[in-house]
Amino acid sequence: MAITKDTIIGDVLDKYPQTAPIFLSIGMHCLGCPASRGESVADACAVHGVNADELIEKLNAAVAQ
């Protein structure tokens, strides 16, 4: 599964739990709450002031290993 801006964070975490530290590093500390798990990667980036393209690159690199 390639991670895109539209991918839901909960789906990423369910399939690739090793990505949790990457989300934590952008200040997304409530990974277990239903609201954050239902957000898209783009939504989370907008809320946390993070460049979505850079985060997606990091996430896809982490899951490719």
PDB file of N, CA and C in Angstrom:
ATOM      1  N   MET A   1       0.845  -1.186   0.000  1.00  0.00           N
ATOM      2  CA  MET A   1       0.000   0.000   0.000  1.00  0.00           C
ATOM      3  C   MET A   1       0.883   1.239   0.000  1.00  0.00           C
ATOM      4  N   ALA A   2       0.752   2.052  -1.018  1.00  0.00           N
ATOM      5  CA  ALA A   2       1.474   3.320  -1.055  1.00  0.00           C
ATOM      6  C   ALA A   2       0.701   4.339  -0.225  1.00  0.00           C
ATOM      7  N   ILE A   3       1.415   5.105   0.569  1.00  0.00           N
ATOM      8  CA  ILE A   3       0.794   6.114   1.414  1.00  0.00           C
ATOM      9  C   ILE A   3       0.730   7.423   0.629  1.00  0.00           C
ATOM     10  N   THR A   4      -0.453   8.028   0.594  1.00  0.00           N
ATOM     11  CA  THR A   4      -0.657   9.295  -0.104  1.00  0.00           C
ATOM     12  C   THR A   4      -1.268  10.305   0.867  1.00  0.00           C
ATOM     13  N   LYS A   5      -1.499  11.513   0.382  1.00  0.00           N
ATOM     14  CA  LYS A   5      -2.124  12.545   1.205  1.00  0.00           C
ATOM     15  C   LYS A   5      -3.523  12.141   1.649  1.00  0.00           C
ATOM     16  N   ASP A   6      -4.185  11.315   0.861  1.00  0.00           N
ATOM     17  CA  ASP A   6      -5.561  10.914   1.172  1.00  0.00           C
ATOM     18  C   ASP A   6      -5.657   9.671   2.049  1.00  0.00           C
ATOM     19  N   THR A   7      -4.540   9.034   2.318  1.00  0.00           N
ATOM     20  CA  THR A   7      -4.553   7.817   3.134  1.00  0.00           C
ATOM     21  C   THR A   7      -4.956   8.178   4.566  1.00  0.00           C
ATOM     22  N   ILE A   8      -5.800   7.352   5.135  1.00  0.00           N
ATOM     23  CA  ILE A   8      -6.273   7.564   6.511  1.00  0.00           C
ATOM     24  C   ILE A   8      -5.198   7.080   7.488  1.00  0.00           C
ATOM     25  N   ILE A   9      -4.925   7.898   8.486  1.00  0.00           N
ATOM     26  CA  ILE A   9      -3.848   7.600   9.436  1.00  0.00           C
ATOM     27  C   ILE A   9      -4.074   6.269  10.140  1.00  0.00           C
ATOM     28  N   GLY A  10      -5.294   5.975  10.525  1.00  0.00           N
ATOM     29  CA  GLY A  10      -5.579   4.701  11.181  1.00  0.00           C
ATOM     30  C   GLY A  10      -5.214   3.517  10.301  1.00  0.00           C
ATOM     31  N   ASP A  11      -5.446   3.649   8.995  1.00  0.00           N
ATOM     32  CA  ASP A  11      -5.083   2.575   8.068  1.00  0.00           C
ATOM     33  C   ASP A  11      -3.566   2.397   8.002  1.00  0.00           C
ATOM     34  N   VAL A  12      -2.852   3.521   8.012  1.00  0.00           N
ATOM     35  CA  VAL A  12      -1.385   3.453   7.992  1.00  0.00           C
ATOM     36  C   VAL A  12      -0.886   2.758   9.249  1.00  0.00           C
ATOM     37  N   LEU A  13      -1.397   3.174  10.404  1.00  0.00           N
ATOM     38  CA  LEU A  13      -0.938   2.605  11.677  1.00  0.00           C
ATOM     39  C   LEU A  13      -1.307   1.133  11.820  1.00  0.00           C
ATOM     40  N   ASP A  14      -2.472   0.744  11.321  1.00  0.00           N
ATOM     41  CA  ASP A  14      -2.873  -0.660  11.399  1.00  0.00           C
ATOM     42  C   ASP A  14      -1.950  -1.545  10.558  1.00  0.00           C
ATOM     43  N   LYS A  15      -1.630  -1.078   9.369  1.00  0.00           N
ATOM     44  CA  LYS A  15      -0.811  -1.884   8.461  1.00  0.00           C
ATOM     45  C   LYS A  15       0.683  -1.753   8.752  1.00  0.00           C
ATOM     46  N   TYR A  16       1.091  -0.558   9.170  1.00  0.00           N
ATOM     47  CA  TYR A  16       2.514  -0.272   9.392  1.00  0.00           C
ATOM     48  C   TYR A  16       2.722   0.392  10.758  1.00  0.00           C
ATOM     49  N   PRO A  17       2.621  -0.363  11.838  1.00  0.00           N
ATOM     50  CA  PRO A  17       2.764   0.239  13.173  1.00  0.00           C
ATOM     51  C   PRO A  17       4.123   0.901  13.392  1.00  0.00           C
ATOM     52  N   GLN A  18       5.105   0.521  12.603  1.00  0.00           N
ATOM     53  CA  GLN A  18       6.439   1.124  12.746  1.00  0.00           C
ATOM     54  C   GLN A  18       6.458   2.602  12.342  1.00  0.00           C
ATOM     55  N   THR A  19       5.358   3.098  11.759  1.00  0.00           N
ATOM     56  CA  THR A  19       5.299   4.508  11.378  1.00  0.00           C
ATOM     57  C   THR A  19       4.887   5.413  12.538  1.00  0.00           C
ATOM     58  N   ALA A  20       4.452   4.854  13.646  1.00  0.00           N
ATOM     59  CA  ALA A  20       3.992   5.664  14.781  1.00  0.00           C
ATOM     60  C   ALA A  20       5.018   6.715  15.208  1.00  0.00           C
ATOM     61  N   PRO A  21       6.305   6.374  15.340  1.00  0.00           N
ATOM     62  CA  PRO A  21       7.270   7.400  15.745  1.00  0.00           C
ATOM     63  C   PRO A  21       7.358   8.573  14.768  1.00  0.00           C
ATOM     64  N   ILE A  22       7.087   8.323  13.514  1.00  0.00           N
ATOM     65  CA  ILE A  22       7.124   9.408  12.533  1.00  0.00           C
ATOM     66  C   ILE A  22       5.976  10.375  12.799  1.00  0.00           C
ATOM     67  N   PHE A  23       4.790   9.838  13.070  1.00  0.00           N
ATOM     68  CA  PHE A  23       3.668  10.708  13.408  1.00  0.00           C
ATOM     69  C   PHE A  23       3.932  11.447  14.719  1.00  0.00           C
ATOM     70  N   LEU A  24       4.499  10.756  15.690  1.00  0.00           N
ATOM     71  CA  LEU A  24       4.811  11.400  16.966  1.00  0.00           C
ATOM     72  C   LEU A  24       5.804  12.536  16.771  1.00  0.00           C
ATOM     73  N   SER A  25       6.729  12.378  15.839  1.00  0.00           N
ATOM     74  CA  SER A  25       7.763  13.395  15.620  1.00  0.00           C
ATOM     75  C   SER A  25       7.203  14.702  15.061  1.00  0.00           C
ATOM     76  N   ILE A  26       5.994  14.669  14.479  1.00  0.00           N
ATOM     77  CA  ILE A  26       5.393  15.906  13.976  1.00  0.00           C
ATOM     78  C   ILE A  26       4.443  16.515  15.000  1.00  0.00           C
ATOM     79  N   GLY A  27       4.414  15.943  16.198  1.00  0.00           N
ATOM     80  CA  GLY A  27       3.570  16.480  17.258  1.00  0.00           C
ATOM     81  C   GLY A  27       2.206  15.836  17.348  1.00  0.00           C
ATOM     82  N   MET A  28       2.026  14.752  16.645  1.00  0.00           N
ATOM     83  CA  MET A  28       0.745  14.054  16.674  1.00  0.00           C
ATOM     84  C   MET A  28       0.805  12.995  17.778  1.00  0.00           C
ATOM     85  N   HIS A  29       0.474  13.431  18.996  1.00  0.00           N
ATOM     86  CA  HIS A  29       0.667  12.574  20.162  1.00  0.00           C
ATOM     87  C   HIS A  29      -0.561  11.781  20.572  1.00  0.00           C
ATOM     88  N   CYS A  30      -1.673  11.982  19.909  1.00  0.00           N
ATOM     89  CA  CYS A  30      -2.882  11.244  20.308  1.00  0.00           C
ATOM     90  C   CYS A  30      -3.251  10.234  19.219  1.00  0.00           C
ATOM     91  N   LEU A  31      -2.325   9.369  18.889  1.00  0.00           N
ATOM     92  CA  LEU A  31      -2.543   8.405  17.813  1.00  0.00           C
ATOM     93  C   LEU A  31      -3.662   7.414  18.104  1.00  0.00           C
ATOM     94  N   GLY A  32      -4.003   7.261  19.351  1.00  0.00           N
ATOM     95  CA  GLY A  32      -5.052   6.311  19.700  1.00  0.00           C
ATOM     96  C   GLY A  32      -6.446   6.902  19.697  1.00  0.00           C
ATOM     97  N   CYS A  33      -6.558   8.223  19.623  1.00  0.00           N
ATOM     98  CA  CYS A  33      -7.906   8.803  19.682  1.00  0.00           C
ATOM     99  C   CYS A  33      -8.600   8.656  18.334  1.00  0.00           C
ATOM    100  N   PRO A  34      -9.899   8.395  18.358  1.00  0.00           N
ATOM    101  CA  PRO A  34     -10.637   8.141  17.120  1.00  0.00           C
ATOM    102  C   PRO A  34     -10.543   9.276  16.104  1.00  0.00           C
ATOM    103  N   ALA A  35     -10.518  10.512  16.573  1.00  0.00           N
ATOM    104  CA  ALA A  35     -10.474  11.640  15.636  1.00  0.00           C
ATOM    105  C   ALA A  35      -9.193  11.626  14.816  1.00  0.00           C
ATOM    106  N   SER A  36      -8.061  11.418  15.467  1.00  0.00           N
ATOM    107  CA  SER A  36      -6.795  11.442  14.722  1.00  0.00           C
ATOM    108  C   SER A  36      -6.660  10.237  13.813  1.00  0.00           C
ATOM    109  N   ARG A  37      -7.158   9.101  14.247  1.00  0.00           N
ATOM    110  CA  ARG A  37      -7.054   7.895  13.411  1.00  0.00           C
ATOM    111  C   ARG A  37      -7.925   7.991  12.163  1.00  0.00           C
ATOM    112  N   GLY A  38      -8.949   8.846  12.196  1.00  0.00           N
ATOM    113  CA  GLY A  38      -9.834   9.001  11.060  1.00  0.00           C
ATOM    114  C   GLY A  38      -9.422  10.096  10.098  1.00  0.00           C
ATOM    115  N   GLU A  39      -8.378  10.824  10.437  1.00  0.00           N
ATOM    116  CA  GLU A  39      -7.904  11.908   9.578  1.00  0.00           C
ATOM    117  C   GLU A  39      -7.049  11.369   8.443  1.00  0.00           C
ATOM    118  N   SER A  40      -7.031  12.107   7.361  1.00  0.00           N
ATOM    119  CA  SER A  40      -6.090  11.780   6.283  1.00  0.00           C
ATOM    120  C   SER A  40      -4.725  12.332   6.664  1.00  0.00           C
ATOM    121  N   VAL A  41      -3.709  11.856   5.999  1.00  0.00           N
ATOM    122  CA  VAL A  41      -2.359  12.366   6.223  1.00  0.00           C
ATOM    123  C   VAL A  41      -2.328  13.875   5.951  1.00  0.00           C
ATOM    124  N   ALA A  42      -2.997  14.319   4.894  1.00  0.00           N
ATOM    125  CA  ALA A  42      -3.031  15.752   4.560  1.00  0.00           C
ATOM    126  C   ALA A  42      -3.689  16.563   5.669  1.00  0.00           C
ATOM    127  N   ASP A  43      -4.779  16.045   6.244  1.00  0.00           N
ATOM    128  CA  ASP A  43      -5.457  16.753   7.335  1.00  0.00           C
ATOM    129  C   ASP A  43      -4.533  16.913   8.535  1.00  0.00           C
ATOM    130  N   ALA A  44      -3.844  15.858   8.897  1.00  0.00           N
ATOM    131  CA  ALA A  44      -2.928  15.908  10.036  1.00  0.00           C
ATOM    132  C   ALA A  44      -1.804  16.906   9.788  1.00  0.00           C
ATOM    133  N   CYS A  45      -1.303  16.921   8.575  1.00  0.00           N
ATOM    134  CA  CYS A  45      -0.223  17.861   8.240  1.00  0.00           C
ATOM    135  C   CYS A  45      -0.707  19.300   8.343  1.00  0.00           C
ATOM    136  N   ALA A  46      -1.918  19.558   7.893  1.00  0.00           N
ATOM    137  CA  ALA A  46      -2.474  20.903   7.968  1.00  0.00           C
ATOM    138  C   ALA A  46      -2.621  21.355   9.421  1.00  0.00           C
ATOM    139  N   VAL A  47      -3.102  20.459  10.271  1.00  0.00           N
ATOM    140  CA  VAL A  47      -3.305  20.789  11.679  1.00  0.00           C
ATOM    141  C   VAL A  47      -1.976  21.024  12.391  1.00  0.00           C
ATOM    142  N   HIS A  48      -0.963  20.251  12.024  1.00  0.00           N
ATOM    143  CA  HIS A  48       0.314  20.319  12.728  1.00  0.00           C
ATOM    144  C   HIS A  48       1.360  21.159  12.007  1.00  0.00           C
ATOM    145  N   GLY A  49       0.982  21.804  10.923  1.00  0.00           N
ATOM    146  CA  GLY A  49       1.901  22.693  10.223  1.00  0.00           C
ATOM    147  C   GLY A  49       3.101  21.995   9.612  1.00  0.00           C
ATOM    148  N   VAL A  50       2.858  20.811   9.060  1.00  0.00           N
ATOM    149  CA  VAL A  50       3.928  19.996   8.486  1.00  0.00           C
ATOM    150  C   VAL A  50       3.729  19.887   6.979  1.00  0.00           C
ATOM    151  N   ASN A  51       4.821  19.865   6.245  1.00  0.00           N
ATOM    152  CA  ASN A  51       4.760  19.688   4.796  1.00  0.00           C
ATOM    153  C   ASN A  51       4.321  18.254   4.508  1.00  0.00           C
ATOM    154  N   ALA A  52       3.173  18.104   3.873  1.00  0.00           N
ATOM    155  CA  ALA A  52       2.608  16.776   3.617  1.00  0.00           C
ATOM    156  C   ALA A  52       3.509  15.937   2.718  1.00  0.00           C
ATOM    157  N   ASP A  53       4.101  16.549   1.710  1.00  0.00           N
ATOM    158  CA  ASP A  53       4.958  15.790   0.796  1.00  0.00           C
ATOM    159  C   ASP A  53       6.166  15.208   1.518  1.00  0.00           C
ATOM    160  N   GLU A  54       6.747  15.991   2.437  1.00  0.00           N
ATOM    161  CA  GLU A  54       7.905  15.496   3.198  1.00  0.00           C
ATOM    162  C   GLU A  54       7.503  14.350   4.125  1.00  0.00           C
ATOM    163  N   LEU A  55       6.353  14.487   4.774  1.00  0.00           N
ATOM    164  CA  LEU A  55       5.899  13.421   5.673  1.00  0.00           C
ATOM    165  C   LEU A  55       5.604  12.145   4.893  1.00  0.00           C
ATOM    166  N   ILE A  56       4.952  12.271   3.764  1.00  0.00           N
ATOM    167  CA  ILE A  56       4.630  11.101   2.944  1.00  0.00           C
ATOM    168  C   ILE A  56       5.904  10.410   2.477  1.00  0.00           C
ATOM    169  N   GLU A  57       6.906  11.190   2.141  1.00  0.00           N
ATOM    170  CA  GLU A  57       8.191  10.608   1.731  1.00  0.00           C
ATOM    171  C   GLU A  57       8.798   9.794   2.880  1.00  0.00           C
ATOM    172  N   LYS A  58       8.762  10.353   4.092  1.00  0.00           N
ATOM    173  CA  LYS A  58       9.297   9.641   5.263  1.00  0.00           C
ATOM    174  C   LYS A  58       8.501   8.363   5.547  1.00  0.00           C
ATOM    175  N   LEU A  59       7.181   8.472   5.468  1.00  0.00           N
ATOM    176  CA  LEU A  59       6.334   7.303   5.743  1.00  0.00           C
ATOM    177  C   LEU A  59       6.578   6.185   4.728  1.00  0.00           C
ATOM    178  N   ASN A  60       6.595   6.540   3.462  1.00  0.00           N
ATOM    179  CA  ASN A  60       6.820   5.518   2.429  1.00  0.00           C
ATOM    180  C   ASN A  60       8.211   4.915   2.512  1.00  0.00           C
ATOM    181  N   ALA A  61       9.199   5.696   2.907  1.00  0.00           N
ATOM    182  CA  ALA A  61      10.547   5.164   3.099  1.00  0.00           C
ATOM    183  C   ALA A  61      10.563   4.165   4.246  1.00  0.00           C
ATOM    184  N   ALA A  62       9.837   4.484   5.313  1.00  0.00           N
ATOM    185  CA  ALA A  62       9.798   3.591   6.476  1.00  0.00           C
ATOM    186  C   ALA A  62       9.122   2.279   6.166  1.00  0.00           C
ATOM    187  N   VAL A  63       8.076   2.298   5.349  1.00  0.00           N
ATOM    188  CA  VAL A  63       7.376   1.049   5.050  1.00  0.00           C
ATOM    189  C   VAL A  63       8.068   0.244   3.957  1.00  0.00           C
ATOM    190  N   ALA A  64       8.971   0.853   3.232  1.00  0.00           N
ATOM    191  CA  ALA A  64       9.686   0.146   2.166  1.00  0.00           C
ATOM    192  C   ALA A  64      10.822  -0.704   2.719  1.00  0.00           C
ATOM    193  N   GLN A  65      11.206  -0.454   3.940  1.00  0.00           N
ATOM    194  CA  GLN A  65      12.351  -1.181   4.533  1.00  0.00           C
ATOM    195  C   GLN A  65      11.979  -2.580   4.932  1.00  0.00           C
TER     196      GLN A  65
END
